[in-house]
Amino acid sequence: MPVSTDLDDPRFTAAGLFSEAYTGLTARFAAQFEEHRLSAVEFEVLMRLARSPGSRLRMTDLAGQTSLSTSGVTRVVDRMDRDGLVCREACPSDRRSSYAVITEAGRARLDQVLPGHLALIQQWFIGQLSPEQLAGMLDSLRTIRDAVNPCATAGSSDQTAVQAA
């Protein structure tokens, strides 16, 4: 039975190119994270915490900012707490809530990872684009992110949200 949809539809091309670029970048990043005994999710948690006001986020906000469920965030933060990279602090205004906070050991691990990570970003992502292309892409990605993941900046101030994006 023939397919009635135009397989040359530019929407397929756009989604496919985005997926292929993302897959290629994450594979390069994952190899570098492994050198520093971090998973991609652990790196994301450390970055989100380090870039947040007070270097902390409520667990629910951390879940909103990452690809994890609230139970997934709990498991990752528990593991990272055992490794000394983050700790939990009680929320003084809501006993049911707690904060994940990056520790000095977590910052030290980021300090080890970030030079190589930034080099990969420059080589395989930013360095592939002109400044004008980069500015347009960042605007486009923020528009898409805000539509599909409105919780991505949960718990961040407006200025921090813009910078973290």
N, C-alpha and C. Protein backbone atom coordinates (compact mmCIF):
# COMPACT_ATOMS: atom_id res chain seq x y z
N MET A 1 0.85 -1.18 0.00
CA MET A 1 0.00 0.00 0.00
C MET A 1 0.90 1.25 0.00
N PRO A 2 0.69 2.16 -0.93
CA PRO A 2 1.53 3.34 -1.03
C PRO A 2 1.31 4.30 0.14
N VAL A 3 2.36 5.03 0.47
CA VAL A 3 2.29 6.05 1.51
C VAL A 3 1.70 7.30 0.90
N SER A 4 0.67 7.86 1.55
CA SER A 4 0.01 9.04 0.98
C SER A 4 0.67 10.34 1.43
N THR A 5 1.58 10.28 2.35
CA THR A 5 2.26 11.48 2.83
C THR A 5 3.52 11.71 2.01
N ASP A 6 3.79 12.96 1.72
CA ASP A 6 5.01 13.33 0.98
C ASP A 6 6.21 13.12 1.89
N LEU A 7 7.03 12.14 1.59
CA LEU A 7 8.19 11.83 2.42
C LEU A 7 9.30 12.87 2.27
N ASP A 8 9.17 13.76 1.30
CA ASP A 8 10.13 14.85 1.13
C ASP A 8 9.66 16.12 1.85
N ASP A 9 8.64 16.00 2.67
CA ASP A 9 8.11 17.14 3.43
C ASP A 9 9.26 17.76 4.25
N PRO A 10 9.47 19.06 4.16
CA PRO A 10 10.57 19.70 4.89
C PRO A 10 10.45 19.56 6.41
N ARG A 11 9.28 19.27 6.92
CA ARG A 11 9.14 19.06 8.37
C ARG A 11 9.88 17.80 8.79
N PHE A 12 9.84 16.75 7.94
CA PHE A 12 10.63 15.54 8.23
C PHE A 12 12.12 15.87 8.22
N THR A 13 12.52 16.67 7.25
CA THR A 13 13.93 17.05 7.13
C THR A 13 14.37 17.83 8.37
N ALA A 14 13.57 18.81 8.79
CA ALA A 14 13.92 19.62 9.96
C ALA A 14 14.05 18.75 11.21
N ALA A 15 13.07 17.90 11.46
CA ALA A 15 13.11 17.04 12.65
C ALA A 15 14.27 16.04 12.54
N GLY A 16 14.50 15.51 11.37
CA GLY A 16 15.58 14.55 11.18
C GLY A 16 16.95 15.18 11.38
N LEU A 17 17.16 16.37 10.81
CA LEU A 17 18.44 17.05 10.99
C LEU A 17 18.69 17.40 12.46
N PHE A 18 17.65 17.86 13.14
CA PHE A 18 17.79 18.18 14.56
C PHE A 18 18.17 16.92 15.34
N SER A 19 17.49 15.84 15.09
CA SER A 19 17.75 14.58 15.78
C SER A 19 19.17 14.08 15.49
N GLU A 20 19.59 14.13 14.24
CA GLU A 20 20.93 13.66 13.88
C GLU A 20 22.01 14.51 14.52
N ALA A 21 21.83 15.83 14.54
CA ALA A 21 22.81 16.72 15.18
C ALA A 21 22.86 16.45 16.68
N TYR A 22 21.71 16.34 17.31
CA TYR A 22 21.65 16.08 18.75
C TYR A 22 22.32 14.74 19.09
N THR A 23 22.02 13.72 18.33
CA THR A 23 22.61 12.40 18.57
C THR A 23 24.13 12.43 18.42
N GLY A 24 24.61 13.11 17.40
CA GLY A 24 26.05 13.21 17.20
C GLY A 24 26.74 13.96 18.32
N LEU A 25 26.15 15.07 18.74
CA LEU A 25 26.74 15.86 19.83
C LEU A 25 26.72 15.10 21.14
N THR A 26 25.59 14.48 21.47
CA THR A 26 25.51 13.79 22.76
C THR A 26 26.46 12.60 22.82
N ALA A 27 26.70 11.95 21.71
CA ALA A 27 27.66 10.84 21.70
C ALA A 27 29.07 11.35 22.00
N ARG A 28 29.43 12.47 21.42
CA ARG A 28 30.75 13.06 21.70
C ARG A 28 30.85 13.51 23.16
N PHE A 29 29.78 14.12 23.66
CA PHE A 29 29.77 14.58 25.06
C PHE A 29 29.84 13.40 26.02
N ALA A 30 29.09 12.34 25.74
CA ALA A 30 29.03 11.19 26.65
C ALA A 30 30.40 10.56 26.84
N ALA A 31 31.15 10.46 25.78
CA ALA A 31 32.49 9.87 25.88
C ALA A 31 33.37 10.71 26.80
N GLN A 32 33.25 12.02 26.69
CA GLN A 32 34.05 12.90 27.53
C GLN A 32 33.57 12.85 28.99
N PHE A 33 32.26 12.77 29.22
CA PHE A 33 31.75 12.66 30.59
C PHE A 33 32.27 11.39 31.26
N GLU A 34 32.28 10.30 30.51
CA GLU A 34 32.75 9.02 31.06
C GLU A 34 34.19 9.10 31.55
N GLU A 35 35.01 9.89 30.86
CA GLU A 35 36.39 10.08 31.30
C GLU A 35 36.45 10.67 32.71
N HIS A 36 35.40 11.37 33.09
CA HIS A 36 35.35 12.03 34.40
C HIS A 36 34.35 11.36 35.35
N ARG A 37 33.98 10.13 35.02
CA ARG A 37 33.09 9.33 35.87
C ARG A 37 31.74 10.01 36.12
N LEU A 38 31.18 10.59 35.07
CA LEU A 38 29.86 11.21 35.13
C LEU A 38 29.00 10.69 34.00
N SER A 39 27.73 10.55 34.28
CA SER A 39 26.77 10.29 33.20
C SER A 39 26.30 11.63 32.66
N ALA A 40 25.65 11.62 31.53
CA ALA A 40 25.12 12.85 30.96
C ALA A 40 24.10 13.48 31.90
N VAL A 41 23.29 12.67 32.54
CA VAL A 41 22.28 13.19 33.48
C VAL A 41 22.96 13.82 34.69
N GLU A 42 23.99 13.19 35.21
CA GLU A 42 24.70 13.75 36.37
C GLU A 42 25.35 15.09 35.99
N PHE A 43 25.92 15.16 34.79
CA PHE A 43 26.49 16.42 34.33
C PHE A 43 25.41 17.49 34.25
N GLU A 44 24.25 17.13 33.70
CA GLU A 44 23.16 18.09 33.58
C GLU A 44 22.72 18.58 34.96
N VAL A 45 22.62 17.68 35.92
CA VAL A 45 22.22 18.06 37.28
C VAL A 45 23.25 19.03 37.86
N LEU A 46 24.53 18.71 37.75
CA LEU A 46 25.56 19.60 38.28
C LEU A 46 25.52 20.98 37.61
N MET A 47 25.34 21.00 36.30
CA MET A 47 25.28 22.29 35.59
C MET A 47 24.05 23.09 36.01
N ARG A 48 22.90 22.42 36.10
CA ARG A 48 21.68 23.14 36.49
C ARG A 48 21.83 23.73 37.89
N LEU A 49 22.40 22.96 38.80
CA LEU A 49 22.58 23.45 40.16
C LEU A 49 23.61 24.58 40.20
N ALA A 50 24.73 24.41 39.53
CA ALA A 50 25.79 25.42 39.55
C ALA A 50 25.32 26.74 38.96
N ARG A 51 24.42 26.69 38.00
CA ARG A 51 23.95 27.90 37.32
C ARG A 51 22.69 28.48 37.93
N SER A 52 22.21 27.91 39.01
CA SER A 52 20.99 28.38 39.65
C SER A 52 21.31 29.30 40.83
N PRO A 53 20.38 30.18 41.17
CA PRO A 53 20.59 31.06 42.32
C PRO A 53 20.89 30.24 43.58
N GLY A 54 21.95 30.60 44.27
CA GLY A 54 22.33 29.88 45.48
C GLY A 54 22.86 28.48 45.21
N SER A 55 23.11 28.16 43.95
CA SER A 55 23.61 26.83 43.56
C SER A 55 22.70 25.72 44.05
N ARG A 56 21.41 25.98 44.05
CA ARG A 56 20.43 25.02 44.55
C ARG A 56 19.13 25.12 43.77
N LEU A 57 18.41 24.02 43.74
CA LEU A 57 17.06 23.98 43.17
C LEU A 57 16.20 23.05 44.01
N ARG A 58 14.92 23.40 44.10
CA ARG A 58 14.00 22.44 44.71
C ARG A 58 13.98 21.20 43.82
N MET A 59 13.80 20.06 44.44
CA MET A 59 13.82 18.80 43.69
C MET A 59 12.80 18.82 42.56
N THR A 60 11.61 19.37 42.81
CA THR A 60 10.59 19.42 41.76
C THR A 60 11.02 20.32 40.61
N ASP A 61 11.70 21.43 40.92
CA ASP A 61 12.19 22.31 39.86
C ASP A 61 13.31 21.65 39.07
N LEU A 62 14.16 20.90 39.77
CA LEU A 62 15.22 20.17 39.08
C LEU A 62 14.63 19.15 38.11
N ALA A 63 13.57 18.48 38.53
CA ALA A 63 12.89 17.55 37.63
C ALA A 63 12.34 18.28 36.42
N GLY A 64 11.74 19.45 36.64
CA GLY A 64 11.20 20.24 35.54
C GLY A 64 12.24 20.71 34.56
N GLN A 65 13.45 20.96 35.05
CA GLN A 65 14.51 21.46 34.20
C GLN A 65 15.28 20.35 33.47
N THR A 66 15.09 19.13 33.89
CA THR A 66 15.82 18.01 33.28
C THR A 66 14.84 17.08 32.57
N SER A 67 15.37 16.03 32.04
CA SER A 67 14.55 15.03 31.35
C SER A 67 14.05 13.97 32.31
N LEU A 68 14.15 14.22 33.62
CA LEU A 68 13.82 13.21 34.62
C LEU A 68 12.46 13.46 35.27
N SER A 69 11.85 12.38 35.71
CA SER A 69 10.65 12.48 36.53
C SER A 69 11.08 12.86 37.95
N THR A 70 10.13 13.17 38.81
CA THR A 70 10.50 13.49 40.19
C THR A 70 11.14 12.29 40.87
N SER A 71 10.65 11.09 40.60
CA SER A 71 11.29 9.91 41.20
C SER A 71 12.66 9.67 40.58
N GLY A 72 12.82 9.96 39.30
CA GLY A 72 14.13 9.83 38.66
C GLY A 72 15.13 10.81 39.24
N VAL A 73 14.70 12.04 39.49
CA VAL A 73 15.58 13.03 40.12
C VAL A 73 15.98 12.56 41.50
N THR A 74 15.03 12.00 42.24
CA THR A 74 15.35 11.50 43.58
C THR A 74 16.44 10.44 43.52
N ARG A 75 16.32 9.50 42.59
CA ARG A 75 17.34 8.45 42.47
C ARG A 75 18.70 9.02 42.08
N VAL A 76 18.73 9.94 41.12
CA VAL A 76 19.99 10.52 40.68
C VAL A 76 20.62 11.34 41.80
N VAL A 77 19.83 12.16 42.47
CA VAL A 77 20.36 12.99 43.55
C VAL A 77 20.83 12.11 44.70
N ASP A 78 20.10 11.05 45.02
CA ASP A 78 20.56 10.12 46.07
C ASP A 78 21.92 9.54 45.72
N ARG A 79 22.09 9.11 44.47
CA ARG A 79 23.37 8.54 44.04
C ARG A 79 24.48 9.59 44.09
N MET A 80 24.17 10.79 43.62
CA MET A 80 25.17 11.85 43.62
C MET A 80 25.49 12.32 45.04
N ASP A 81 24.51 12.23 45.93
CA ASP A 81 24.73 12.56 47.34
C ASP A 81 25.70 11.55 47.95
N ARG A 82 25.50 10.27 47.65
CA ARG A 82 26.43 9.24 48.15
C ARG A 82 27.84 9.47 47.63
N ASP A 83 27.95 10.00 46.40
CA ASP A 83 29.26 10.27 45.81
C ASP A 83 29.83 11.62 46.26
N GLY A 84 29.06 12.38 47.04
CA GLY A 84 29.52 13.66 47.56
C GLY A 84 29.44 14.82 46.60
N LEU A 85 28.77 14.66 45.46
CA LEU A 85 28.70 15.72 44.46
C LEU A 85 27.60 16.73 44.74
N VAL A 86 26.55 16.29 45.39
CA VAL A 86 25.44 17.16 45.80
C VAL A 86 25.03 16.77 47.21
N CYS A 87 24.24 17.63 47.82
CA CYS A 87 23.63 17.28 49.10
C CYS A 87 22.20 17.79 49.07
N ARG A 88 21.44 17.34 50.03
CA ARG A 88 20.06 17.81 50.16
C ARG A 88 19.97 18.75 51.34
N GLU A 89 19.13 19.76 51.20
CA GLU A 89 18.82 20.66 52.30
C GLU A 89 17.32 20.79 52.39
N ALA A 90 16.82 20.84 53.60
CA ALA A 90 15.38 21.00 53.82
C ALA A 90 14.95 22.39 53.36
N CYS A 91 13.75 22.47 52.86
CA CYS A 91 13.17 23.75 52.47
C CYS A 91 12.52 24.35 53.72
N PRO A 92 12.97 25.51 54.16
CA PRO A 92 12.43 26.07 55.39
C PRO A 92 10.96 26.47 55.31
N SER A 93 10.47 26.77 54.11
CA SER A 93 9.09 27.22 53.97
C SER A 93 8.11 26.09 53.64
N ASP A 94 8.63 24.89 53.32
CA ASP A 94 7.76 23.77 52.96
C ASP A 94 8.43 22.47 53.39
N ARG A 95 7.94 21.89 54.46
CA ARG A 95 8.57 20.68 55.00
C ARG A 95 8.52 19.51 54.03
N ARG A 96 7.59 19.54 53.09
CA ARG A 96 7.48 18.43 52.13
C ARG A 96 8.52 18.52 51.02
N SER A 97 9.17 19.65 50.91
CA SER A 97 10.09 19.89 49.81
C SER A 97 11.53 19.95 50.32
N SER A 98 12.45 19.64 49.42
CA SER A 98 13.87 19.78 49.76
C SER A 98 14.61 20.32 48.54
N TYR A 99 15.79 20.83 48.81
CA TYR A 99 16.65 21.36 47.78
C TYR A 99 17.77 20.37 47.48
N ALA A 100 18.18 20.34 46.22
CA ALA A 100 19.43 19.70 45.84
C ALA A 100 20.43 20.85 45.72
N VAL A 101 21.61 20.66 46.32
CA VAL A 101 22.63 21.71 46.36
C VAL A 101 23.95 21.11 45.89
N ILE A 102 24.63 21.81 45.01
CA ILE A 102 25.94 21.32 44.56
C ILE A 102 26.95 21.52 45.70
N THR A 103 27.81 20.54 45.90
CA THR A 103 28.85 20.60 46.93
C THR A 103 30.16 21.09 46.32
N GLU A 104 31.15 21.33 47.17
CA GLU A 104 32.48 21.70 46.67
C GLU A 104 33.04 20.58 45.79
N ALA A 105 32.80 19.33 46.17
CA ALA A 105 33.27 18.21 45.35
C ALA A 105 32.57 18.21 43.99
N GLY A 106 31.29 18.57 43.97
CA GLY A 106 30.57 18.68 42.70
C GLY A 106 31.13 19.78 41.83
N ARG A 107 31.44 20.91 42.45
CA ARG A 107 32.06 22.01 41.69
C ARG A 107 33.44 21.62 41.17
N ALA A 108 34.18 20.90 42.00
CA ALA A 108 35.51 20.45 41.57
C ALA A 108 35.40 19.51 40.38
N ARG A 109 34.39 18.62 40.38
CA ARG A 109 34.20 17.71 39.25
C ARG A 109 33.84 18.51 38.00
N LEU A 110 32.97 19.51 38.15
CA LEU A 110 32.65 20.37 37.01
C LEU A 110 33.89 21.08 36.50
N ASP A 111 34.72 21.58 37.40
CA ASP A 111 35.95 22.26 37.00
C ASP A 111 36.85 21.34 36.18
N GLN A 112 36.82 20.04 36.48
CA GLN A 112 37.61 19.08 35.71
C GLN A 112 37.01 18.83 34.33
N VAL A 113 35.68 18.78 34.27
CA VAL A 113 34.98 18.41 33.04
C VAL A 113 34.85 19.58 32.06
N LEU A 114 34.61 20.77 32.58
CA LEU A 114 34.21 21.88 31.72
C LEU A 114 35.22 22.29 30.65
N PRO A 115 36.51 22.32 30.91
CA PRO A 115 37.41 22.72 29.80
C PRO A 115 37.28 21.81 28.57
N GLY A 116 37.27 20.52 28.78
CA GLY A 116 37.10 19.60 27.65
C GLY A 116 35.73 19.69 27.03
N HIS A 117 34.71 19.88 27.87
CA HIS A 117 33.34 19.99 27.36
C HIS A 117 33.21 21.24 26.49
N LEU A 118 33.74 22.35 26.98
CA LEU A 118 33.68 23.59 26.19
C LEU A 118 34.45 23.45 24.88
N ALA A 119 35.55 22.74 24.91
CA ALA A 119 36.32 22.51 23.68
C ALA A 119 35.48 21.71 22.67
N LEU A 120 34.76 20.70 23.16
CA LEU A 120 33.90 19.92 22.26
C LEU A 120 32.76 20.77 21.71
N ILE A 121 32.15 21.58 22.58
CA ILE A 121 31.07 22.47 22.13
C ILE A 121 31.60 23.41 21.04
N GLN A 122 32.78 23.97 21.28
CA GLN A 122 33.35 24.89 20.29
C GLN A 122 33.65 24.17 18.98
N GLN A 123 34.27 23.00 19.07
CA GLN A 123 34.68 22.28 17.86
C GLN A 123 33.50 21.78 17.05
N TRP A 124 32.52 21.17 17.69
CA TRP A 124 31.47 20.46 16.97
C TRP A 124 30.13 21.18 16.91
N PHE A 125 30.00 22.31 17.61
CA PHE A 125 28.70 22.97 17.64
C PHE A 125 28.88 24.45 17.30
N ILE A 126 29.33 25.25 18.23
CA ILE A 126 29.44 26.69 18.04
C ILE A 126 30.39 27.03 16.90
N GLY A 127 31.50 26.34 16.84
CA GLY A 127 32.50 26.62 15.80
C GLY A 127 32.03 26.31 14.39
N GLN A 128 30.93 25.59 14.26
CA GLN A 128 30.39 25.26 12.94
C GLN A 128 29.49 26.38 12.40
N LEU A 129 29.21 27.39 13.23
CA LEU A 129 28.24 28.43 12.87
C LEU A 129 28.87 29.81 12.88
N SER A 130 28.36 30.67 12.01
CA SER A 130 28.74 32.08 12.07
C SER A 130 28.03 32.70 13.28
N PRO A 131 28.50 33.86 13.75
CA PRO A 131 27.80 34.51 14.87
C PRO A 131 26.32 34.77 14.57
N GLU A 132 26.01 35.12 13.34
CA GLU A 132 24.62 35.37 12.98
C GLU A 132 23.80 34.08 13.00
N GLN A 133 24.38 33.00 12.49
CA GLN A 133 23.69 31.71 12.53
C GLN A 133 23.45 31.28 13.97
N LEU A 134 24.46 31.45 14.82
CA LEU A 134 24.33 31.07 16.22
C LEU A 134 23.23 31.86 16.90
N ALA A 135 23.21 33.17 16.72
CA ALA A 135 22.18 34.01 17.35
C ALA A 135 20.78 33.58 16.91
N GLY A 136 20.61 33.34 15.62
CA GLY A 136 19.31 32.90 15.12
C GLY A 136 18.92 31.53 15.66
N MET A 137 19.89 30.63 15.73
CA MET A 137 19.59 29.29 16.25
C MET A 137 19.23 29.35 17.73
N LEU A 138 19.95 30.15 18.52
CA LEU A 138 19.63 30.26 19.94
C LEU A 138 18.22 30.81 20.14
N ASP A 139 17.85 31.82 19.37
CA ASP A 139 16.49 32.36 19.46
C ASP A 139 15.46 31.28 19.10
N SER A 140 15.73 30.56 18.04
CA SER A 140 14.81 29.50 17.61
C SER A 140 14.70 28.39 18.65
N LEU A 141 15.83 27.97 19.20
CA LEU A 141 15.81 26.90 20.20
C LEU A 141 15.07 27.33 21.46
N ARG A 142 15.24 28.59 21.88
CA ARG A 142 14.48 29.08 23.05
C ARG A 142 12.98 29.06 22.78
N THR A 143 12.59 29.47 21.58
CA THR A 143 11.16 29.47 21.22
C THR A 143 10.60 28.05 21.28
N ILE A 144 11.32 27.11 20.70
CA ILE A 144 10.88 25.71 20.69
C ILE A 144 10.88 25.14 22.11
N ARG A 145 11.97 25.38 22.85
CA ARG A 145 12.06 24.89 24.22
C ARG A 145 10.91 25.41 25.08
N ASP A 146 10.60 26.69 24.97
CA ASP A 146 9.53 27.27 25.78
C ASP A 146 8.17 26.68 25.43
N ALA A 147 8.01 26.27 24.17
CA ALA A 147 6.74 25.66 23.76
C ALA A 147 6.62 24.22 24.23
N VAL A 148 7.68 23.45 24.10
CA VAL A 148 7.60 22.02 24.41
C VAL A 148 7.99 21.67 25.83
N ASN A 149 8.72 22.55 26.51
CA ASN A 149 9.16 22.28 27.87
C ASN A 149 9.10 23.56 28.69
N PRO A 150 7.90 24.04 29.00
CA PRO A 150 7.77 25.31 29.71
C PRO A 150 8.36 25.28 31.12
N CYS A 151 8.61 24.11 31.68
CA CYS A 151 9.20 24.01 33.02
C CYS A 151 10.72 24.05 32.99
N ALA A 152 11.32 24.22 31.83
CA ALA A 152 12.78 24.11 31.69
C ALA A 152 13.53 25.13 32.52
N THR A 153 12.90 26.22 32.89
CA THR A 153 13.59 27.22 33.70
C THR A 153 12.94 27.35 35.08
N ALA A 154 12.19 26.34 35.51
CA ALA A 154 11.52 26.39 36.81
C ALA A 154 12.52 26.60 37.92
N GLY A 155 12.19 27.52 38.82
CA GLY A 155 13.03 27.78 39.97
C GLY A 155 14.15 28.76 39.72
N SER A 156 14.24 29.27 38.50
CA SER A 156 15.29 30.23 38.15
C SER A 156 14.69 31.62 38.07
N SER A 157 15.49 32.62 38.41
CA SER A 157 15.04 33.99 38.20
C SER A 157 15.02 34.25 36.69
N ASP A 158 14.36 35.32 36.28
CA ASP A 158 14.30 35.61 34.84
C ASP A 158 15.69 35.76 34.23
N GLN A 159 16.58 36.49 34.88
CA GLN A 159 17.92 36.68 34.35
C GLN A 159 18.68 35.36 34.30
N THR A 160 18.57 34.57 35.36
CA THR A 160 19.27 33.29 35.38
C THR A 160 18.70 32.37 34.32
N ALA A 161 17.39 32.41 34.11
CA ALA A 161 16.76 31.56 33.11
C ALA A 161 17.30 31.86 31.72
N VAL A 162 17.46 33.14 31.42
CA VAL A 162 17.99 33.52 30.11
C VAL A 162 19.43 33.02 29.97
N GLN A 163 20.24 33.21 31.02
CA GLN A 163 21.62 32.80 30.95
C GLN A 163 21.75 31.28 30.88
N ALA A 164 20.90 30.55 31.61
CA ALA A 164 20.99 29.09 31.66
C ALA A 164 20.55 28.46 30.36
N ALA A 165 19.78 29.19 29.58
CA ALA A 165 19.31 28.66 28.33
C ALA A 165 20.44 28.65 27.38
